[in-house]
Each structure stands twice: as C-alpha cells, then as structure tokens.
Amino acid sequence: MMEINMKEKLRALRRQKNITQEALANHLGITPQSIGKWERGEGFPDITLLPKIAFYFGVTVDELLCVDQARVDEAIAAYSRQAAMYQNNGENEKNLALWEKAYAEFPNDCRVMEGLMAAINRKAEFPCPKAEADRIIALGEKLLEKSTDSRQREHAVQFLCYTYDGIDKEKALYYANMGGSVHATREGLKAAILPGEEGVAACQKYMESLIYYAAMSAVRMTSKIQFSPQETIEAYSFAIDILKRFFQDDNVGFYAFDLSLYYFSIALQYAELNDKENTLTHLAKSCRYAVVDAGLNDMDYTAPMANRLKYKKQNTTKNYKGNACNLRLKALEDKRFDFVRKEARFQKTLADLEKHAD
C-alpha cells in the first residue's frame, strides 16, 4: 500500500514558483487556511482540484501526489529487505549482485549508493583491491556530496576512512577527522538526557557500545606494532574481561562470536610458546562460545548492567557462511596446533565444533 504524501511536494512547488499560500488560494478559489492545512499534512485537496493544482505548477497529478516517489521508495525498501536476508546469511555475492541491480535502476538514490558501497566493502578481500577501493571511494564521495542524512554521511566517512587506510594515510586521516567526537555521540547524548526507563535503556546501550569498542581497540593494538605473545595475550584477555564483566551472568548473546575469537587468539599465542595446557584450555573456551553462537536465537540479556537490551537475530549481519564453529574448524588447521593435535582434549574440541557447525 503506497502512502500518498503531497505536503512537502506542494510546499516545494509553491516556493519554486515563488508564490504565497494566499496567491495559490486565490487562483484555486479557496481560503489560504486550506493551503496551510494541506502543507501541514492535515488534509488533502478535493479530488476535483488536483488537476487544476498540477496544471498550475506544470506537473502531473502523480508527481503532485508523490506517487512516483512512493513507487521508488517501495522498490528500494524491497531491495533493502532482500539485502538484509542475504547479509544475515553471509551471502555476500548475492548481496552485491542485488545492490548492483538496484544501482543500475536508481543510480542517484543515496540509499542505494550506501547499500552498494557497503556491499562492495563486505565482498572485497583485505586489503581492498584497487578496483573495489576505487568504487567505494567514488560512491562514498558522491554520497557525502548529495546526502543530508547524518547516518548515511557517517557510513560514507567510515568506509572512506577504512578504504583509504593503506592507500593514502593522509586521506584516511582527513576522513577520520570528519567523524564525531566521543564527547558528543548520538548514543551518549541520549543517555545523558532521556529520563526514566527510557534513560536506563539508553545508558545500557551506550555502555554496550563503549565496551565493544574498548575491546576492539585493545585487540587492534596488537596489529599496530610487534607485540610479544605475552602482550598479545594481555590485550585479548582485557577484551574478554570487560565483555564478561558487562555480561556478568555469562548470557553474552551476540558477543559469543567475539569471545570465541578472542579465546582462540589467546590459544594461538600459547601455541607459539609451546604451552600445551593453556593452548588446550583456551581452545576449549573458544569452542564453548562458538557453540553458543551456533545456537543463538532472539533473546533478552539478563545481566544487571544489560537487562534492558535485546538480541534480534534478524538484525545481525555476517561476512561469512555458516557460524563461528565453521570458522574455528578452519582456523584449527593452522600448523601451530600440530603439537597438541593428537591430544584427547583437542579431539574433543574438534568433535564439538563439527557437531554444531552449520
């Protein structure tokens, strides 16, 4: 069902023609108050007036009623729904093909530019090959030029920053400086001003984002310079500790994937040190959270600092097929684990992952 919405169109047409509400009302033989109501969305013209209004402004009745735009909006919404399904299943090639089709149909729509930019980024390997990088940059810069939507612009800045990183550090920093300050984020401001239950939920959402990015920053440090195995273990342990402190009842939901990865990364470091006991212990913990990820469905978080938050599986996206168990099984082929491969505990970890892999 298309929503007919002419209030903004009528106002825009009147301003383009540089006429007042009174002048339009005189032409139509009605009161200026009627024009005001239409432009506020409080009513519609009588159907007999529509052709006269459209003729006066030199547009079709469909254009006046924004029916053409409604059709565009419906088509893009359908693309977005299908894309969400592909992203939820990790079907990146299908997702990219879908947005390529949408872009061929609507090359100047900011929503489509954003979707295609993200789809190329999801499909590209790291570091991003030149052809894909060039397309992301072209789309991102075009989006910044055209869009007034703050979220679209944030995404464009993010993708431009990440894509230029490794290509042109100065350009990457230019776009990094276009990002918002931690002192004035959307989430932080809402947490500060919203009252009551809504305010508590906003505070928990803000804490969740801060803890997630703190964990990510700890992990990212290890890729900046050469960390020793012990330093790397400390960084990943810090990331685990703050996540598990937030979700203190271990009902970690969405973050089971991250915890599985972090424990696996620690196991790799212990393997480098030829520490059999810690390698096997952390592989078992990695496996445990991978199994949690594999069985994850919609849920409410229950820890005291997170009990207003919910997990909705349909709202998540992933950049791979299968689940965390599939990824851990592939990663366990690493030769650094050969020294524990015949151990019973290692074999049990393999069996548990195979049982729950998608």
Protein backbone atom coordinates (compact mmCIF):
# COMPACT_ATOMS: atom_id res chain seq x y z
CA MET A 1 0.00 0.00 0.00
CA MET A 2 1.59 3.25 -1.13
CA GLU A 3 1.36 6.25 1.16
CA ILE A 4 0.21 9.38 -0.60
CA ASN A 5 2.15 12.33 0.78
CA MET A 6 1.92 15.64 -1.02
CA LYS A 7 2.54 18.14 1.80
CA GLU A 8 6.28 18.60 1.17
CA LYS A 9 5.84 18.44 -2.60
CA LEU A 10 3.19 21.16 -2.57
CA ARG A 11 5.31 23.40 -0.37
CA ALA A 12 8.36 22.86 -2.58
CA LEU A 13 6.44 23.60 -5.78
CA ARG A 14 4.98 26.78 -4.31
CA ARG A 15 8.40 28.01 -3.20
CA GLN A 16 9.94 27.18 -6.58
CA LYS A 17 7.27 29.29 -8.23
CA ASN A 18 7.83 31.95 -5.53
CA ILE A 19 4.16 32.41 -4.67
CA THR A 20 2.43 32.72 -1.33
CA GLN A 21 -0.26 30.49 0.10
CA GLU A 22 -2.68 33.38 -0.43
CA ALA A 23 -1.82 33.65 -4.14
CA LEU A 24 -2.33 29.93 -4.68
CA ALA A 25 -5.59 30.04 -2.72
CA ASN A 26 -6.87 32.95 -4.86
CA HIS A 27 -6.05 31.02 -8.03
CA LEU A 28 -7.97 27.97 -6.78
CA GLY A 29 -10.84 29.96 -5.28
CA ILE A 30 -10.33 28.64 -1.75
CA THR A 31 -9.08 30.00 1.59
CA PRO A 32 -5.37 30.31 2.46
CA GLN A 33 -6.11 28.24 5.57
CA SER A 34 -6.86 25.26 3.33
CA ILE A 35 -3.45 25.53 1.70
CA GLY A 36 -1.85 25.69 5.15
CA LYS A 37 -3.63 22.51 6.24
CA TRP A 38 -2.52 20.63 3.11
CA GLU A 39 1.11 21.68 3.65
CA ARG A 40 0.95 20.53 7.28
CA GLY A 41 -0.42 17.15 6.22
CA GLU A 42 -3.74 17.77 7.98
CA GLY A 43 -5.85 17.10 4.91
CA PHE A 44 -5.93 16.76 1.12
CA PRO A 45 -7.45 18.84 -1.67
CA ASP A 46 -10.75 17.76 -3.10
CA ILE A 47 -10.10 15.35 -5.96
CA THR A 48 -11.59 17.83 -8.42
CA LEU A 49 -8.88 20.36 -7.53
CA LEU A 50 -5.92 18.03 -8.18
CA PRO A 51 -5.74 18.52 -11.99
CA LYS A 52 -6.01 22.30 -11.57
CA ILE A 53 -3.19 22.37 -8.99
CA ALA A 54 -1.00 20.07 -11.11
CA PHE A 55 -1.59 22.16 -14.26
CA TYR A 56 -0.77 25.36 -12.37
CA PHE A 57 2.63 24.00 -11.33
CA GLY A 58 3.34 22.19 -14.61
CA VAL A 59 3.47 18.70 -13.13
CA THR A 60 1.36 15.56 -13.40
CA VAL A 61 -1.15 14.59 -10.74
CA ASP A 62 1.08 11.57 -9.92
CA GLU A 63 4.04 13.89 -9.36
CA LEU A 64 1.94 16.19 -7.20
CA LEU A 65 0.84 13.26 -5.03
CA CYS A 66 4.41 11.86 -4.95
CA VAL A 67 3.10 8.58 -6.34
CA ASP A 68 6.23 8.17 -8.46
CA GLN A 69 8.41 8.68 -5.38
CA ALA A 70 6.26 6.22 -3.44
CA ARG A 71 6.94 3.61 -6.13
CA VAL A 72 10.66 4.31 -5.88
CA ASP A 73 10.53 4.04 -2.09
CA GLU A 74 8.68 0.72 -2.30
CA ALA A 75 11.20 -0.69 -4.77
CA ILE A 76 14.19 0.35 -2.64
CA ALA A 77 12.52 -0.97 0.51
CA ALA A 78 12.12 -4.33 -1.25
CA TYR A 79 15.82 -4.31 -2.18
CA SER A 80 16.72 -3.48 1.43
CA ARG A 81 14.60 -6.33 2.82
CA GLN A 82 16.19 -8.85 0.47
CA ALA A 83 19.66 -7.48 1.23
CA ALA A 84 19.05 -7.90 4.96
CA MET A 85 18.28 -11.60 4.38
CA TYR A 86 21.45 -12.10 2.35
CA GLN A 87 23.57 -10.28 4.95
CA ASN A 88 22.01 -12.30 7.77
CA ASN A 89 23.06 -15.49 5.95
CA GLY A 90 26.52 -14.26 4.95
CA GLU A 91 25.64 -14.44 1.23
CA ASN A 92 27.89 -11.60 0.13
CA GLU A 93 27.94 -12.35 -3.60
CA LYS A 94 24.14 -12.33 -3.80
CA ASN A 95 24.03 -9.17 -1.70
CA LEU A 96 26.45 -7.40 -4.04
CA ALA A 97 24.56 -8.53 -7.16
CA LEU A 98 21.33 -7.23 -5.64
CA TRP A 99 22.73 -3.77 -4.93
CA GLU A 100 24.38 -3.63 -8.38
CA LYS A 101 20.92 -4.20 -9.84
CA ALA A 102 19.41 -1.54 -7.57
CA TYR A 103 22.16 0.94 -8.53
CA ALA A 104 21.55 0.35 -12.24
CA GLU A 105 17.89 1.21 -11.61
CA PHE A 106 18.36 4.09 -9.15
CA PRO A 107 21.91 5.48 -9.61
CA ASN A 108 21.20 8.78 -7.86
CA ASP A 109 19.40 7.49 -4.77
CA CYS A 110 21.52 7.90 -1.64
CA ARG A 111 20.06 4.78 -0.01
CA VAL A 112 21.16 2.70 -2.97
CA MET A 113 24.61 4.29 -3.07
CA GLU A 114 25.02 3.45 0.61
CA GLY A 115 23.85 -0.14 0.08
CA LEU A 116 26.20 -0.71 -2.86
CA MET A 117 29.15 0.87 -1.06
CA ALA A 118 28.63 -1.44 1.91
CA ALA A 119 28.11 -4.48 -0.31
CA ILE A 120 31.37 -3.90 -2.20
CA ASN A 121 33.18 -3.48 1.10
CA ARG A 122 31.70 -6.72 2.50
CA LYS A 123 32.65 -8.71 -0.60
CA ALA A 124 36.17 -7.29 -1.03
CA GLU A 125 39.16 -9.05 0.49
CA PHE A 126 41.56 -7.25 2.81
CA PRO A 127 43.45 -5.22 1.84
CA CYS A 128 40.81 -3.94 -0.54
CA PRO A 129 41.83 -4.45 -4.22
CA LYS A 130 42.21 -1.26 -6.26
CA ALA A 131 39.11 -1.74 -8.42
CA GLU A 132 36.86 -2.23 -5.40
CA ALA A 133 38.59 0.55 -3.46
CA ASP A 134 38.06 2.99 -6.33
CA ARG A 135 34.35 2.18 -6.44
CA ILE A 136 33.91 2.54 -2.68
CA ILE A 137 35.71 5.89 -2.76
CA ALA A 138 33.64 7.16 -5.70
CA LEU A 139 30.37 6.12 -4.03
CA GLY A 140 31.40 7.49 -0.64
CA GLU A 141 32.40 10.87 -2.01
CA LYS A 142 29.23 11.08 -4.12
CA LEU A 143 27.16 10.23 -1.04
CA LEU A 144 28.83 12.96 1.01
CA GLU A 145 28.11 15.42 -1.78
CA LYS A 146 24.41 14.53 -2.10
CA SER A 147 23.17 13.24 1.23
CA THR A 148 21.94 15.31 4.16
CA ASP A 149 21.11 12.23 6.24
CA SER A 150 23.52 12.04 9.20
CA ARG A 151 23.66 8.23 9.33
CA GLN A 152 24.38 7.93 5.61
CA ARG A 153 27.12 10.50 5.91
CA GLU A 154 28.62 8.69 8.92
CA HIS A 155 28.73 5.45 6.94
CA ALA A 156 30.33 7.21 3.98
CA VAL A 157 33.02 8.73 6.24
CA GLN A 158 33.65 5.34 7.86
CA PHE A 159 34.06 3.49 4.57
CA LEU A 160 36.20 6.25 3.06
CA CYS A 161 38.47 6.24 6.10
CA TYR A 162 38.90 2.46 6.12
CA THR A 163 39.33 2.23 2.34
CA TYR A 164 41.96 4.99 2.16
CA ASP A 165 43.87 3.37 5.04
CA GLY A 166 46.74 1.58 3.34
CA ILE A 167 46.29 3.62 0.15
CA ASP A 168 46.70 7.19 1.30
CA LYS A 169 47.18 7.71 5.05
CA GLU A 170 46.72 11.46 4.79
CA LYS A 171 43.33 10.99 3.10
CA ALA A 172 42.38 8.36 5.67
CA LEU A 173 43.15 10.82 8.48
CA TYR A 174 41.20 13.54 6.67
CA TYR A 175 38.08 11.41 6.78
CA ALA A 176 38.85 10.18 10.30
CA ASN A 177 38.77 13.80 11.44
CA MET A 178 35.27 14.12 9.95
CA GLY A 179 34.00 11.59 12.48
CA GLY A 180 32.21 12.69 15.62
CA SER A 181 33.88 13.19 18.98
CA VAL A 182 33.42 10.61 21.73
CA HIS A 183 32.15 13.51 23.85
CA ALA A 184 29.13 14.12 21.63
CA THR A 185 27.93 10.82 20.20
CA ARG A 186 24.26 10.24 19.45
CA GLU A 187 24.13 7.41 21.97
CA GLY A 188 25.98 9.34 24.68
CA LEU A 189 23.75 12.40 24.37
CA LYS A 190 20.61 10.26 24.59
CA ALA A 191 21.99 8.51 27.66
CA ALA A 192 22.52 11.91 29.25
CA ILE A 193 19.11 13.45 28.60
CA LEU A 194 16.49 10.69 28.49
CA PRO A 195 14.61 10.13 31.76
CA GLY A 196 13.15 7.04 33.45
CA GLU A 197 13.18 3.56 31.93
CA GLU A 198 13.97 5.01 28.50
CA GLY A 199 17.02 6.68 30.02
CA VAL A 200 18.19 3.48 31.71
CA ALA A 201 17.91 1.61 28.40
CA ALA A 202 19.85 4.42 26.64
CA CYS A 203 22.60 4.24 29.27
CA GLN A 204 22.91 0.47 28.84
CA LYS A 205 23.02 0.81 25.05
CA TYR A 206 25.75 3.44 25.37
CA MET A 207 27.75 1.28 27.78
CA GLU A 208 27.42 -1.65 25.42
CA SER A 209 28.86 0.34 22.52
CA LEU A 210 31.68 1.76 24.66
CA ILE A 211 32.66 -1.69 25.93
CA TYR A 212 32.50 -3.20 22.44
CA TYR A 213 34.79 -0.53 21.01
CA ALA A 214 37.12 -0.67 24.02
CA ALA A 215 37.51 -4.41 23.44
CA MET A 216 38.09 -3.85 19.72
CA SER A 217 40.68 -1.16 20.43
CA ALA A 218 42.59 -3.45 22.78
CA VAL A 219 42.71 -6.12 20.09
CA ARG A 220 43.64 -3.64 17.34
CA MET A 221 46.71 -2.55 19.30
CA THR A 222 48.30 -5.92 18.57
CA SER A 223 48.30 -5.20 14.82
CA LYS A 224 49.95 -1.78 15.09
CA ILE A 225 53.41 -2.85 16.25
CA GLN A 226 55.15 -6.10 17.08
CA PHE A 227 53.63 -7.33 20.35
CA SER A 228 55.19 -10.19 22.27
CA PRO A 229 52.98 -13.26 22.84
CA GLN A 230 52.55 -12.22 26.48
CA GLU A 231 51.49 -8.67 25.48
CA THR A 232 49.08 -10.05 22.91
CA ILE A 233 47.58 -12.40 25.50
CA GLU A 234 47.12 -9.45 27.87
CA ALA A 235 45.35 -7.38 25.19
CA TYR A 236 42.92 -10.16 24.30
CA SER A 237 42.39 -11.01 27.97
CA PHE A 238 41.46 -7.38 28.63
CA ALA A 239 38.89 -7.53 25.82
CA ILE A 240 37.43 -10.72 27.31
CA ASP A 241 37.39 -9.34 30.84
CA ILE A 242 35.42 -6.19 30.07
CA LEU A 243 32.86 -8.08 27.98
CA LYS A 244 32.38 -10.70 30.67
CA ARG A 245 32.15 -8.03 33.38
CA PHE A 246 29.33 -6.33 31.46
CA PHE A 247 27.58 -9.66 30.85
CA GLN A 248 28.47 -10.98 34.29
CA ASP A 249 25.92 -13.84 34.19
CA ASP A 250 27.63 -15.13 31.00
CA ASN A 251 24.45 -14.63 28.97
CA VAL A 252 26.55 -12.97 26.29
CA GLY A 253 24.32 -13.36 23.23
CA PHE A 254 25.74 -11.57 20.20
CA TYR A 255 29.18 -11.34 21.81
CA ALA A 256 29.65 -15.12 21.88
CA PHE A 257 31.28 -14.79 18.47
CA ASP A 258 33.78 -12.20 19.70
CA LEU A 259 34.61 -14.19 22.83
CA SER A 260 35.19 -17.31 20.75
CA LEU A 261 37.59 -15.37 18.53
CA TYR A 262 39.41 -13.77 21.46
CA TYR A 263 39.94 -17.09 23.29
CA PHE A 264 41.13 -18.65 20.03
CA SER A 265 43.63 -15.83 19.50
CA ILE A 266 45.00 -16.39 23.00
CA ALA A 267 45.30 -20.11 22.28
CA LEU A 268 47.38 -19.27 19.20
CA GLN A 269 49.78 -17.25 21.33
CA TYR A 270 50.14 -20.08 23.83
CA ALA A 271 50.80 -22.42 20.91
CA GLU A 272 53.61 -20.08 19.84
CA LEU A 273 55.00 -20.52 23.36
CA ASN A 274 54.57 -24.30 23.14
CA ASP A 275 52.38 -24.17 26.26
CA LYS A 276 50.20 -27.27 25.89
CA GLU A 277 47.95 -26.76 28.92
CA ASN A 278 46.99 -23.16 28.18
CA THR A 279 46.61 -23.86 24.47
CA LEU A 280 44.09 -26.64 25.10
CA THR A 281 42.29 -24.70 27.85
CA HIS A 282 41.73 -21.65 25.68
CA LEU A 283 40.75 -23.72 22.64
CA ALA A 284 38.07 -25.37 24.77
CA LYS A 285 36.77 -21.96 25.86
CA SER A 286 36.81 -20.76 22.25
CA CYS A 287 34.83 -23.83 21.25
CA ARG A 288 32.30 -23.26 24.04
CA TYR A 289 31.43 -19.77 22.85
CA ALA A 290 31.41 -20.86 19.20
CA VAL A 291 28.73 -23.41 20.13
CA VAL A 292 26.77 -20.66 21.90
CA ASP A 293 26.96 -18.58 18.72
CA ALA A 294 25.75 -21.52 16.62
CA GLY A 295 22.61 -21.94 18.72
CA LEU A 296 21.82 -18.26 19.19
CA ASN A 297 18.23 -17.07 18.71
CA ASP A 298 16.28 -13.97 19.75
CA MET A 299 16.86 -13.31 23.45
CA ASP A 300 16.82 -10.79 26.28
CA TYR A 301 20.04 -10.00 28.10
CA THR A 302 19.77 -10.63 31.84
CA ALA A 303 22.91 -9.21 33.49
CA PRO A 304 22.18 -6.20 35.77
CA MET A 305 24.02 -3.72 33.54
CA ALA A 306 22.46 -5.10 30.33
CA ASN A 307 18.94 -6.21 31.23
CA ARG A 308 17.18 -3.62 29.05
CA LEU A 309 18.99 -4.85 25.94
CA LYS A 310 17.71 -7.42 23.48
CA TYR A 311 19.28 -9.54 20.76
CA LYS A 312 17.39 -9.93 17.47
CA LYS A 313 18.95 -12.45 15.14
CA GLN A 314 17.30 -10.99 12.05
CA ASN A 315 19.02 -7.65 12.67
CA THR A 316 22.53 -9.12 12.54
CA THR A 317 24.80 -9.41 9.54
CA LYS A 318 27.87 -11.52 8.90
CA ASN A 319 30.64 -11.66 6.36
CA TYR A 320 30.88 -15.44 6.12
CA LYS A 321 28.71 -18.53 5.64
CA GLY A 322 27.98 -20.94 8.44
CA ASN A 323 28.60 -19.98 12.06
CA ALA A 324 31.51 -19.48 14.45
CA CYS A 325 32.05 -23.26 14.63
CA ASN A 326 32.78 -23.38 10.90
CA LEU A 327 35.34 -20.59 11.25
CA ARG A 328 37.05 -22.20 14.25
CA LEU A 329 37.28 -25.57 12.48
CA LYS A 330 39.01 -23.94 9.53
CA ALA A 331 41.36 -22.00 11.82
CA LEU A 332 42.33 -25.16 13.72
CA GLU A 333 44.07 -26.40 10.57
CA ASP A 334 46.88 -23.99 11.49
CA LYS A 335 50.16 -25.94 11.79
CA ARG A 336 50.94 -24.21 15.08
CA PHE A 337 48.45 -26.57 16.72
CA ASP A 338 50.20 -29.70 15.43
CA PHE A 339 51.91 -30.26 18.79
CA VAL A 340 48.52 -30.79 20.50
CA ARG A 341 46.58 -32.26 17.57
CA LYS A 342 46.60 -35.83 18.91
CA GLU A 343 45.60 -34.81 22.42
CA ALA A 344 42.19 -36.07 23.61
CA ARG A 345 41.10 -32.57 24.60
CA PHE A 346 41.96 -31.24 21.14
CA GLN A 347 39.98 -34.06 19.53
CA LYS A 348 37.01 -33.29 21.79
CA THR A 349 37.14 -29.64 20.75
CA LEU A 350 37.10 -30.71 17.10
CA ALA A 351 34.18 -33.06 17.68
CA ASP A 352 32.14 -30.39 19.48
CA LEU A 353 32.74 -27.87 16.71
CA GLU A 354 31.88 -30.39 13.97
CA LYS A 355 28.67 -31.29 15.79
CA HIS A 356 27.43 -27.69 15.83
CA ALA A 357 28.87 -26.39 12.53
CA ASP A 358 26.30 -25.24 10.00
